[in-house]
PDB file of N, CA and C in Angstrom:
ATOM      1  N   MET A   1      12.496  -3.394  -1.665  1.00  0.00           N
ATOM      2  CA  MET A   1      11.506  -2.538  -1.019  1.00  0.00           C
ATOM      3  C   MET A   1      10.981  -1.554  -2.064  1.00  0.00           C
ATOM      4  N   ILE A   2       9.686  -1.352  -2.066  1.00  0.00           N
ATOM      5  CA  ILE A   2       9.112  -0.385  -2.997  1.00  0.00           C
ATOM      6  C   ILE A   2       8.321   0.685  -2.247  1.00  0.00           C
ATOM      7  N   LEU A   3       8.249   1.838  -2.881  1.00  0.00           N
ATOM      8  CA  LEU A   3       7.285   2.870  -2.536  1.00  0.00           C
ATOM      9  C   LEU A   3       6.272   2.852  -3.665  1.00  0.00           C
ATOM     10  N   CYS A   4       5.010   2.843  -3.335  1.00  0.00           N
ATOM     11  CA  CYS A   4       3.952   2.814  -4.343  1.00  0.00           C
ATOM     12  C   CYS A   4       2.971   3.931  -4.037  1.00  0.00           C
ATOM     13  N   GLU A   5       2.823   4.843  -4.981  1.00  0.00           N
ATOM     14  CA  GLU A   5       1.801   5.880  -4.849  1.00  0.00           C
ATOM     15  C   GLU A   5       0.555   5.370  -5.561  1.00  0.00           C
ATOM     16  N   LEU A   6      -0.525   5.206  -4.821  1.00  0.00           N
ATOM     17  CA  LEU A   6      -1.760   4.628  -5.335  1.00  0.00           C
ATOM     18  C   LEU A   6      -2.899   5.622  -5.255  1.00  0.00           C
ATOM     19  N   THR A   7      -3.604   5.764  -6.366  1.00  0.00           N
ATOM     20  CA  THR A   7      -4.871   6.487  -6.405  1.00  0.00           C
ATOM     21  C   THR A   7      -5.881   5.526  -7.015  1.00  0.00           C
ATOM     22  N   ILE A   8      -6.965   5.262  -6.307  1.00  0.00           N
ATOM     23  CA  ILE A   8      -7.985   4.324  -6.799  1.00  0.00           C
ATOM     24  C   ILE A   8      -9.362   4.827  -6.364  1.00  0.00           C
ATOM     25  N   PHE A   9     -10.265   4.914  -7.324  1.00  0.00           N
ATOM     26  CA  PHE A   9     -11.624   5.384  -7.017  1.00  0.00           C
ATOM     27  C   PHE A   9     -12.557   5.001  -8.155  1.00  0.00           C
ATOM     28  N   PRO A  10     -13.860   4.851  -7.862  1.00  0.00           N
ATOM     29  CA  PRO A  10     -14.824   4.564  -8.921  1.00  0.00           C
ATOM     30  C   PRO A  10     -15.149   5.845  -9.694  1.00  0.00           C
ATOM     31  N   THR A  11     -15.441   5.681 -10.969  1.00  0.00           N
ATOM     32  CA  THR A  11     -15.831   6.841 -11.774  1.00  0.00           C
ATOM     33  C   THR A  11     -17.318   6.794 -12.142  1.00  0.00           C
ATOM     34  N   ASP A  12     -18.034   5.818 -11.609  1.00  0.00           N
ATOM     35  CA  ASP A  12     -19.455   5.684 -11.935  1.00  0.00           C
ATOM     36  C   ASP A  12     -20.361   5.910 -10.723  1.00  0.00           C
ATOM     37  N   LYS A  13     -19.839   6.597  -9.697  1.00  0.00           N
ATOM     38  CA  LYS A  13     -20.611   6.766  -8.471  1.00  0.00           C
ATOM     39  C   LYS A  13     -20.872   8.219  -8.111  1.00  0.00           C
ATOM     40  N   GLY A  14     -20.801   9.099  -9.081  1.00  0.00           N
ATOM     41  CA  GLY A  14     -21.127  10.489  -8.822  1.00  0.00           C
ATOM     42  C   GLY A  14     -19.924  11.330  -8.456  1.00  0.00           C
ATOM     43  N   GLU A  15     -20.219  12.542  -7.995  1.00  0.00           N
ATOM     44  CA  GLU A  15     -19.185  13.538  -7.736  1.00  0.00           C
ATOM     45  C   GLU A  15     -18.350  13.228  -6.505  1.00  0.00           C
ATOM     46  N   SER A  16     -18.952  12.773  -5.433  1.00  0.00           N
ATOM     47  CA  SER A  16     -18.222  12.474  -4.206  1.00  0.00           C
ATOM     48  C   SER A  16     -18.042  10.967  -4.060  1.00  0.00           C
ATOM     49  N   VAL A  17     -16.793  10.546  -3.941  1.00  0.00           N
ATOM     50  CA  VAL A  17     -16.497   9.115  -3.831  1.00  0.00           C
ATOM     51  C   VAL A  17     -15.736   8.801  -2.539  1.00  0.00           C
ATOM     52  N   SER A  18     -15.823   9.691  -1.562  1.00  0.00           N
ATOM     53  CA  SER A  18     -15.048   9.515  -0.331  1.00  0.00           C
ATOM     54  C   SER A  18     -15.405   8.229   0.419  1.00  0.00           C
ATOM     55  N   ASN A  19     -16.646   7.776   0.356  1.00  0.00           N
ATOM     56  CA  ASN A  19     -17.001   6.513   1.002  1.00  0.00           C
ATOM     57  C   ASN A  19     -16.244   5.341   0.399  1.00  0.00           C
ATOM     58  N   TYR A  20     -16.023   5.380  -0.913  1.00  0.00           N
ATOM     59  CA  TYR A  20     -15.295   4.314  -1.594  1.00  0.00           C
ATOM     60  C   TYR A  20     -13.795   4.410  -1.302  1.00  0.00           C
ATOM     61  N   VAL A  21     -13.280   5.622  -1.247  1.00  0.00           N
ATOM     62  CA  VAL A  21     -11.878   5.824  -0.894  1.00  0.00           C
ATOM     63  C   VAL A  21     -11.642   5.338   0.531  1.00  0.00           C
ATOM     64  N   ALA A  22     -12.548   5.649   1.439  1.00  0.00           N
ATOM     65  CA  ALA A  22     -12.418   5.205   2.830  1.00  0.00           C
ATOM     66  C   ALA A  22     -12.390   3.679   2.921  1.00  0.00           C
ATOM     67  N   ARG A  23     -13.144   3.029   2.066  1.00  0.00           N
ATOM     68  CA  ARG A  23     -13.147   1.563   2.038  1.00  0.00           C
ATOM     69  C   ARG A  23     -11.740   1.038   1.721  1.00  0.00           C
ATOM     70  N   CYS A  24     -11.090   1.680   0.775  1.00  0.00           N
ATOM     71  CA  CYS A  24      -9.723   1.272   0.408  1.00  0.00           C
ATOM     72  C   CYS A  24      -8.720   1.627   1.506  1.00  0.00           C
ATOM     73  N   ILE A  25      -8.873   2.787   2.114  1.00  0.00           N
ATOM     74  CA  ILE A  25      -7.960   3.178   3.192  1.00  0.00           C
ATOM     75  C   ILE A  25      -8.089   2.204   4.361  1.00  0.00           C
ATOM     76  N   ASP A  26      -9.271   1.703   4.628  1.00  0.00           N
ATOM     77  CA  ASP A  26      -9.450   0.708   5.678  1.00  0.00           C
ATOM     78  C   ASP A  26      -8.632  -0.548   5.373  1.00  0.00           C
ATOM     79  N   ILE A  27      -8.654  -0.987   4.130  1.00  0.00           N
ATOM     80  CA  ILE A  27      -7.868  -2.159   3.712  1.00  0.00           C
ATOM     81  C   ILE A  27      -6.381  -1.878   3.889  1.00  0.00           C
ATOM     82  N   ILE A  28      -5.950  -0.707   3.451  1.00  0.00           N
ATOM     83  CA  ILE A  28      -4.540  -0.329   3.568  1.00  0.00           C
ATOM     84  C   ILE A  28      -4.128  -0.265   5.032  1.00  0.00           C
ATOM     85  N   ASP A  29      -4.931   0.380   5.855  1.00  0.00           N
ATOM     86  CA  ASP A  29      -4.607   0.536   7.266  1.00  0.00           C
ATOM     87  C   ASP A  29      -4.518  -0.812   7.973  1.00  0.00           C
ATOM     88  N   ARG A  30      -5.440  -1.705   7.663  1.00  0.00           N
ATOM     89  CA  ARG A  30      -5.457  -3.025   8.302  1.00  0.00           C
ATOM     90  C   ARG A  30      -4.344  -3.939   7.784  1.00  0.00           C
ATOM     91  N   SER A  31      -3.702  -3.583   6.680  1.00  0.00           N
ATOM     92  CA  SER A  31      -2.644  -4.426   6.100  1.00  0.00           C
ATOM     93  C   SER A  31      -1.390  -4.459   6.964  1.00  0.00           C
ATOM     94  N   GLY A  32      -1.194  -3.429   7.764  1.00  0.00           N
ATOM     95  CA  GLY A  32       0.016  -3.348   8.572  1.00  0.00           C
ATOM     96  C   GLY A  32       1.196  -2.731   7.852  1.00  0.00           C
ATOM     97  N   LEU A  33       1.042  -2.428   6.566  1.00  0.00           N
ATOM     98  CA  LEU A  33       2.124  -1.790   5.816  1.00  0.00           C
ATOM     99  C   LEU A  33       2.224  -0.316   6.208  1.00  0.00           C
ATOM    100  N   PRO A  34       3.429   0.222   6.209  1.00  0.00           N
ATOM    101  CA  PRO A  34       3.553   1.667   6.410  1.00  0.00           C
ATOM    102  C   PRO A  34       2.889   2.395   5.231  1.00  0.00           C
ATOM    103  N   TYR A  35       2.165   3.472   5.530  1.00  0.00           N
ATOM    104  CA  TYR A  35       1.530   4.241   4.458  1.00  0.00           C
ATOM    105  C   TYR A  35       1.389   5.686   4.889  1.00  0.00           C
ATOM    106  N   GLN A  36       1.204   6.530   3.885  1.00  0.00           N
ATOM    107  CA  GLN A  36       0.957   7.954   4.131  1.00  0.00           C
ATOM    108  C   GLN A  36      -0.196   8.379   3.236  1.00  0.00           C
ATOM    109  N   LEU A  37      -1.265   8.837   3.856  1.00  0.00           N
ATOM    110  CA  LEU A  37      -2.434   9.323   3.132  1.00  0.00           C
ATOM    111  C   LEU A  37      -2.198  10.775   2.734  1.00  0.00           C
ATOM    112  N   THR A  38      -2.454  11.096   1.485  1.00  0.00           N
ATOM    113  CA  THR A  38      -2.361  12.474   0.998  1.00  0.00           C
ATOM    114  C   THR A  38      -3.695  12.831   0.355  1.00  0.00           C
ATOM    115  N   PRO A  39      -3.932  14.103   0.069  1.00  0.00           N
ATOM    116  CA  PRO A  39      -5.203  14.488  -0.554  1.00  0.00           C
ATOM    117  C   PRO A  39      -5.404  13.906  -1.957  1.00  0.00           C
ATOM    118  N   MET A  40      -4.323  13.508  -2.614  1.00  0.00           N
ATOM    119  CA  MET A  40      -4.423  13.036  -3.996  1.00  0.00           C
ATOM    120  C   MET A  40      -4.101  11.557  -4.174  1.00  0.00           C
ATOM    121  N   GLY A  41      -3.786  10.864  -3.099  1.00  0.00           N
ATOM    122  CA  GLY A  41      -3.442   9.448  -3.201  1.00  0.00           C
ATOM    123  C   GLY A  41      -2.836   8.967  -1.899  1.00  0.00           C
ATOM    124  N   THR A  42      -2.374   7.736  -1.912  1.00  0.00           N
ATOM    125  CA  THR A  42      -1.783   7.126  -0.730  1.00  0.00           C
ATOM    126  C   THR A  42      -0.465   6.487  -1.119  1.00  0.00           C
ATOM    127  N   ILE A  43       0.553   6.675  -0.288  1.00  0.00           N
ATOM    128  CA  ILE A  43       1.861   6.085  -0.522  1.00  0.00           C
ATOM    129  C   ILE A  43       2.001   4.898   0.411  1.00  0.00           C
ATOM    130  N   LEU A  44       2.297   3.742  -0.155  1.00  0.00           N
ATOM    131  CA  LEU A  44       2.506   2.520   0.615  1.00  0.00           C
ATOM    132  C   LEU A  44       3.963   2.110   0.481  1.00  0.00           C
ATOM    133  N   GLU A  45       4.469   1.422   1.492  1.00  0.00           N
ATOM    134  CA  GLU A  45       5.854   0.952   1.457  1.00  0.00           C
ATOM    135  C   GLU A  45       5.907  -0.500   1.889  1.00  0.00           C
ATOM    136  N   GLY A  46       6.697  -1.302   1.162  1.00  0.00           N
ATOM    137  CA  GLY A  46       6.855  -2.703   1.541  1.00  0.00           C
ATOM    138  C   GLY A  46       7.451  -3.511   0.415  1.00  0.00           C
ATOM    139  N   GLN A  47       7.400  -4.809   0.579  1.00  0.00           N
ATOM    140  CA  GLN A  47       7.860  -5.710  -0.469  1.00  0.00           C
ATOM    141  C   GLN A  47       6.815  -5.751  -1.591  1.00  0.00           C
ATOM    142  N   TRP A  48       7.285  -5.986  -2.814  1.00  0.00           N
ATOM    143  CA  TRP A  48       6.420  -5.972  -4.004  1.00  0.00           C
ATOM    144  C   TRP A  48       5.144  -6.787  -3.791  1.00  0.00           C
ATOM    145  N   THR A  49       5.281  -8.045  -3.402  1.00  0.00           N
ATOM    146  CA  THR A  49       4.103  -8.906  -3.299  1.00  0.00           C
ATOM    147  C   THR A  49       3.135  -8.420  -2.231  1.00  0.00           C
ATOM    148  N   ASP A  50       3.645  -7.890  -1.131  1.00  0.00           N
ATOM    149  CA  ASP A  50       2.770  -7.389  -0.072  1.00  0.00           C
ATOM    150  C   ASP A  50       1.991  -6.161  -0.520  1.00  0.00           C
ATOM    151  N   VAL A  51       2.673  -5.223  -1.168  1.00  0.00           N
ATOM    152  CA  VAL A  51       2.014  -4.000  -1.638  1.00  0.00           C
ATOM    153  C   VAL A  51       1.006  -4.332  -2.735  1.00  0.00           C
ATOM    154  N   MET A  52       1.395  -5.185  -3.687  1.00  0.00           N
ATOM    155  CA  MET A  52       0.481  -5.522  -4.782  1.00  0.00           C
ATOM    156  C   MET A  52      -0.734  -6.298  -4.278  1.00  0.00           C
ATOM    157  N   ASP A  53      -0.561  -7.080  -3.203  1.00  0.00           N
ATOM    158  CA  ASP A  53      -1.704  -7.767  -2.604  1.00  0.00           C
ATOM    159  C   ASP A  53      -2.709  -6.753  -2.059  1.00  0.00           C
ATOM    160  N   VAL A  54      -2.220  -5.705  -1.415  1.00  0.00           N
ATOM    161  CA  VAL A  54      -3.102  -4.663  -0.880  1.00  0.00           C
ATOM    162  C   VAL A  54      -3.798  -3.930  -2.023  1.00  0.00           C
ATOM    163  N   VAL A  55      -3.063  -3.600  -3.077  1.00  0.00           N
ATOM    164  CA  VAL A  55      -3.666  -2.943  -4.246  1.00  0.00           C
ATOM    165  C   VAL A  55      -4.765  -3.827  -4.824  1.00  0.00           C
ATOM    166  N   HIS A  56      -4.488  -5.121  -4.940  1.00  0.00           N
ATOM    167  CA  HIS A  56      -5.469  -6.067  -5.476  1.00  0.00           C
ATOM    168  C   HIS A  56      -6.728  -6.115  -4.595  1.00  0.00           C
ATOM    169  N   ARG A  57      -6.530  -6.135  -3.287  1.00  0.00           N
ATOM    170  CA  ARG A  57      -7.686  -6.172  -2.384  1.00  0.00           C
ATOM    171  C   ARG A  57      -8.510  -4.894  -2.468  1.00  0.00           C
ATOM    172  N   CYS A  58      -7.850  -3.765  -2.642  1.00  0.00           N
ATOM    173  CA  CYS A  58      -8.582  -2.500  -2.827  1.00  0.00           C
ATOM    174  C   CYS A  58      -9.414  -2.559  -4.106  1.00  0.00           C
ATOM    175  N   PHE A  59      -8.794  -3.034  -5.182  1.00  0.00           N
ATOM    176  CA  PHE A  59      -9.515  -3.140  -6.457  1.00  0.00           C
ATOM    177  C   PHE A  59     -10.717  -4.070  -6.327  1.00  0.00           C
ATOM    178  N   GLU A  60     -10.517  -5.236  -5.734  1.00  0.00           N
ATOM    179  CA  GLU A  60     -11.606  -6.204  -5.598  1.00  0.00           C
ATOM    180  C   GLU A  60     -12.743  -5.653  -4.741  1.00  0.00           C
ATOM    181  N   SER A  61     -12.397  -4.904  -3.718  1.00  0.00           N
ATOM    182  CA  SER A  61     -13.425  -4.303  -2.871  1.00  0.00           C
ATOM    183  C   SER A  61     -14.307  -3.348  -3.676  1.00  0.00           C
ATOM    184  N   LEU A  62     -13.692  -2.529  -4.508  1.00  0.00           N
ATOM    185  CA  LEU A  62     -14.471  -1.597  -5.330  1.00  0.00           C
ATOM    186  C   LEU A  62     -15.217  -2.323  -6.447  1.00  0.00           C
ATOM    187  N   ALA A  63     -14.580  -3.320  -7.041  1.00  0.00           N
ATOM    188  CA  ALA A  63     -15.195  -4.037  -8.167  1.00  0.00           C
ATOM    189  C   ALA A  63     -16.475  -4.762  -7.746  1.00  0.00           C
ATOM    190  N   ALA A  64     -16.639  -5.000  -6.460  1.00  0.00           N
ATOM    191  CA  ALA A  64     -17.850  -5.682  -5.981  1.00  0.00           C
ATOM    192  C   ALA A  64     -19.118  -4.909  -6.298  1.00  0.00           C
ATOM    193  N   ASP A  65     -19.031  -3.558  -6.344  1.00  0.00           N
ATOM    194  CA  ASP A  65     -20.236  -2.779  -6.635  1.00  0.00           C
ATOM    195  C   ASP A  65     -19.974  -1.539  -7.490  1.00  0.00           C
ATOM    196  N   CYS A  66     -18.839  -1.494  -8.156  1.00  0.00           N
ATOM    197  CA  CYS A  66     -18.519  -0.386  -9.055  1.00  0.00           C
ATOM    198  C   CYS A  66     -18.247  -0.952 -10.445  1.00  0.00           C
ATOM    199  N   ARG A  67     -18.854  -0.348 -11.442  1.00  0.00           N
ATOM    200  CA  ARG A  67     -18.682  -0.842 -12.807  1.00  0.00           C
ATOM    201  C   ARG A  67     -17.491  -0.212 -13.524  1.00  0.00           C
ATOM    202  N   ARG A  68     -16.993   0.909 -13.003  1.00  0.00           N
ATOM    203  CA  ARG A  68     -15.849   1.573 -13.628  1.00  0.00           C
ATOM    204  C   ARG A  68     -14.941   2.116 -12.521  1.00  0.00           C
ATOM    205  N   ILE A  69     -13.647   1.764 -12.586  1.00  0.00           N
ATOM    206  CA  ILE A  69     -12.689   2.121 -11.542  1.00  0.00           C
ATOM    207  C   ILE A  69     -11.442   2.711 -12.183  1.00  0.00           C
ATOM    208  N   ASN A  70     -10.998   3.843 -11.649  1.00  0.00           N
ATOM    209  CA  ASN A  70      -9.749   4.461 -12.090  1.00  0.00           C
ATOM    210  C   ASN A  70      -8.651   4.050 -11.117  1.00  0.00           C
ATOM    211  N   VAL A  71      -7.548   3.507 -11.653  1.00  0.00           N
ATOM    212  CA  VAL A  71      -6.398   3.125 -10.831  1.00  0.00           C
ATOM    213  C   VAL A  71      -5.171   3.782 -11.431  1.00  0.00           C
ATOM    214  N   SER A  72      -4.453   4.518 -10.603  1.00  0.00           N
ATOM    215  CA  SER A  72      -3.191   5.134 -11.024  1.00  0.00           C
ATOM    216  C   SER A  72      -2.134   4.757  -9.992  1.00  0.00           C
ATOM    217  N   MET A  73      -0.998   4.230 -10.483  1.00  0.00           N
ATOM    218  CA  MET A  73       0.080   3.823  -9.582  1.00  0.00           C
ATOM    219  C   MET A  73       1.421   4.287 -10.125  1.00  0.00           C
ATOM    220  N   LYS A  74       2.280   4.683  -9.197  1.00  0.00           N
ATOM    221  CA  LYS A  74       3.688   4.918  -9.506  1.00  0.00           C
ATOM    222  C   LYS A  74       4.460   4.066  -8.514  1.00  0.00           C
ATOM    223  N   VAL A  75       5.474   3.351  -9.002  1.00  0.00           N
ATOM    224  CA  VAL A  75       6.255   2.474  -8.141  1.00  0.00           C
ATOM    225  C   VAL A  75       7.728   2.822  -8.273  1.00  0.00           C
ATOM    226  N   ASP A  76       8.394   2.920  -7.118  1.00  0.00           N
ATOM    227  CA  ASP A  76       9.831   3.163  -7.060  1.00  0.00           C
ATOM    228  C   ASP A  76      10.450   2.014  -6.282  1.00  0.00           C
ATOM    229  N   TYR A  77      11.268   1.214  -6.966  1.00  0.00           N
ATOM    230  CA  TYR A  77      11.929   0.077  -6.324  1.00  0.00           C
ATOM    231  C   TYR A  77      13.374   0.432  -6.033  1.00  0.00           C
ATOM    232  N   ARG A  78      13.837   0.031  -4.868  1.00  0.00           N
ATOM    233  CA  ARG A  78      15.252   0.145  -4.529  1.00  0.00           C
ATOM    234  C   ARG A  78      15.617  -1.084  -3.704  1.00  0.00           C
ATOM    235  N   ALA A  79      16.675  -1.767  -4.125  1.00  0.00           N
ATOM    236  CA  ALA A  79      17.112  -2.976  -3.423  1.00  0.00           C
ATOM    237  C   ALA A  79      17.440  -2.636  -1.976  1.00  0.00           C
ATOM    238  N   GLY A  80      17.098  -3.564  -1.090  1.00  0.00           N
ATOM    239  CA  GLY A  80      17.386  -3.385   0.330  1.00  0.00           C
ATOM    240  C   GLY A  80      16.118  -3.327   1.139  1.00  0.00           C
ATOM    241  N   ASP A  81      16.296  -3.302   2.452  1.00  0.00           N
ATOM    242  CA  ASP A  81      15.159  -3.312   3.361  1.00  0.00           C
ATOM    243  C   ASP A  81      14.973  -2.007   4.111  1.00  0.00           C
ATOM    244  N   ALA A  82      15.793  -1.009   3.806  1.00  0.00           N
ATOM    245  CA  ALA A  82      15.698   0.260   4.535  1.00  0.00           C
ATOM    246  C   ALA A  82      14.432   1.017   4.139  1.00  0.00           C
ATOM    247  N   SER A  83      13.763   1.582   5.132  1.00  0.00           N
ATOM    248  CA  SER A  83      12.571   2.384   4.883  1.00  0.00           C
ATOM    249  C   SER A  83      12.957   3.700   4.220  1.00  0.00           C
ATOM    250  N   ARG A  84      12.209   4.086   3.208  1.00  0.00           N
ATOM    251  CA  ARG A  84      12.450   5.354   2.528  1.00  0.00           C
ATOM    252  C   ARG A  84      11.242   6.273   2.613  1.00  0.00           C
ATOM    253  N   MET A  85      10.223   5.852   3.353  1.00  0.00           N
ATOM    254  CA  MET A  85       8.988   6.629   3.445  1.00  0.00           C
ATOM    255  C   MET A  85       9.278   8.064   3.891  1.00  0.00           C
ATOM    256  N   THR A  86      10.111   8.229   4.887  1.00  0.00           N
ATOM    257  CA  THR A  86      10.429   9.578   5.358  1.00  0.00           C
ATOM    258  C   THR A  86      11.834  10.018   4.979  1.00  0.00           C
ATOM    259  N   SER A  87      12.727   9.065   4.749  1.00  0.00           N
ATOM    260  CA  SER A  87      14.124   9.439   4.495  1.00  0.00           C
ATOM    261  C   SER A  87      14.286  10.262   3.222  1.00  0.00           C
ATOM    262  N   LYS A  88      13.441  10.023   2.230  1.00  0.00           N
ATOM    263  CA  LYS A  88      13.555  10.783   0.977  1.00  0.00           C
ATOM    264  C   LYS A  88      13.244  12.264   1.194  1.00  0.00           C
ATOM    265  N   THR A  89      12.212  12.564   1.962  1.00  0.00           N
ATOM    266  CA  THR A  89      11.880  13.973   2.214  1.00  0.00           C
ATOM    267  C   THR A  89      12.849  14.594   3.220  1.00  0.00           C
ATOM    268  N   GLU A  90      13.311  13.790   4.178  1.00  0.00           N
ATOM    269  CA  GLU A  90      14.296  14.301   5.133  1.00  0.00           C
ATOM    270  C   GLU A  90      15.586  14.726   4.418  1.00  0.00           C
ATOM    271  N   ARG A  91      15.976  13.967   3.405  1.00  0.00           N
ATOM    272  CA  ARG A  91      17.184  14.310   2.648  1.00  0.00           C
ATOM    273  C   ARG A  91      17.019  15.653   1.930  1.00  0.00           C
ATOM    274  N   ILE A  92      15.866  15.934   1.387  1.00  0.00           N
ATOM    275  CA  ILE A  92      15.626  17.219   0.717  1.00  0.00           C
ATOM    276  C   ILE A  92      15.687  18.359   1.731  1.00  0.00           C
ATOM    277  N   ARG A  93      15.080  18.159   2.899  1.00  0.00           N
ATOM    278  CA  ARG A  93      15.167  19.168   3.973  1.00  0.00           C
ATOM    279  C   ARG A  93      16.627  19.446   4.323  1.00  0.00           C
ATOM    280  N   GLU A  94      17.403  18.381   4.436  1.00  0.00           N
ATOM    281  CA  GLU A  94      18.823  18.510   4.768  1.00  0.00           C
ATOM    282  C   GLU A  94      19.563  19.314   3.700  1.00  0.00           C
ATOM    283  N   LEU A  95      19.300  19.030   2.446  1.00  0.00           N
ATOM    284  CA  LEU A  95      19.975  19.746   1.353  1.00  0.00           C
ATOM    285  C   LEU A  95      19.572  21.207   1.307  1.00  0.00           C
ATOM    286  N   LEU A  96      18.306  21.495   1.606  1.00  0.00           N
ATOM    287  CA  LEU A  96      17.826  22.884   1.593  1.00  0.00           C
ATOM    288  C   LEU A  96      18.197  23.629   2.878  1.00  0.00           C
ATOM    289  N   GLY A  97      18.425  22.875   3.934  1.00  0.00           N
ATOM    290  CA  GLY A  97      18.787  23.498   5.192  1.00  0.00           C
ATOM    291  C   GLY A  97      17.633  24.206   5.883  1.00  0.00           C
ATOM    292  N   ARG A  98      16.409  23.738   5.611  1.00  0.00           N
ATOM    293  CA  ARG A  98      15.252  24.359   6.257  1.00  0.00           C
ATOM    294  C   ARG A  98      14.075  23.375   6.245  1.00  0.00           C
ATOM    295  N   THR A  99      13.081  23.700   7.031  1.00  0.00           N
ATOM    296  CA  THR A  99      11.874  22.907   7.080  1.00  0.00           C
ATOM    297  C   THR A  99      11.046  23.182   5.817  1.00  0.00           C
ATOM    298  N   ILE A 100      10.483  22.125   5.259  1.00  0.00           N
ATOM    299  CA  ILE A 100       9.596  22.271   4.094  1.00  0.00           C
ATOM    300  C   ILE A 100       8.270  21.587   4.421  1.00  0.00           C
ATOM    301  N   SER A 101       7.238  21.968   3.722  1.00  0.00           N
ATOM    302  CA  SER A 101       5.926  21.363   3.907  1.00  0.00           C
ATOM    303  C   SER A 101       5.888  19.995   3.235  1.00  0.00           C
ATOM    304  N   VAL A 102       5.427  19.010   3.975  1.00  0.00           N
ATOM    305  CA  VAL A 102       5.333  17.653   3.417  1.00  0.00           C
ATOM    306  C   VAL A 102       3.924  17.175   3.571  1.00  0.00           C
TER     307      VAL A 102
END
């Protein structure tokens, strides 16, 4: 199981690229994979091939009409099938003994 933090956007479409980001979020949302949208990127969770397929589809969607695309990814792999999307932050809350902003 992997957690993948993905940031993908065109760099040749001006100052605001939210329409292009929304196009990718639509692909991610329709994939059925667990994900968390943040202001700076999106975290996806799943098996390597499933997550990389979604990343590939996002790239191909932008490449259809964008000449320059920035892609930044961080991947954390851990053997097993247990979800870590929320458990990692829950563990920090537990250690601190208080609610934190997530």
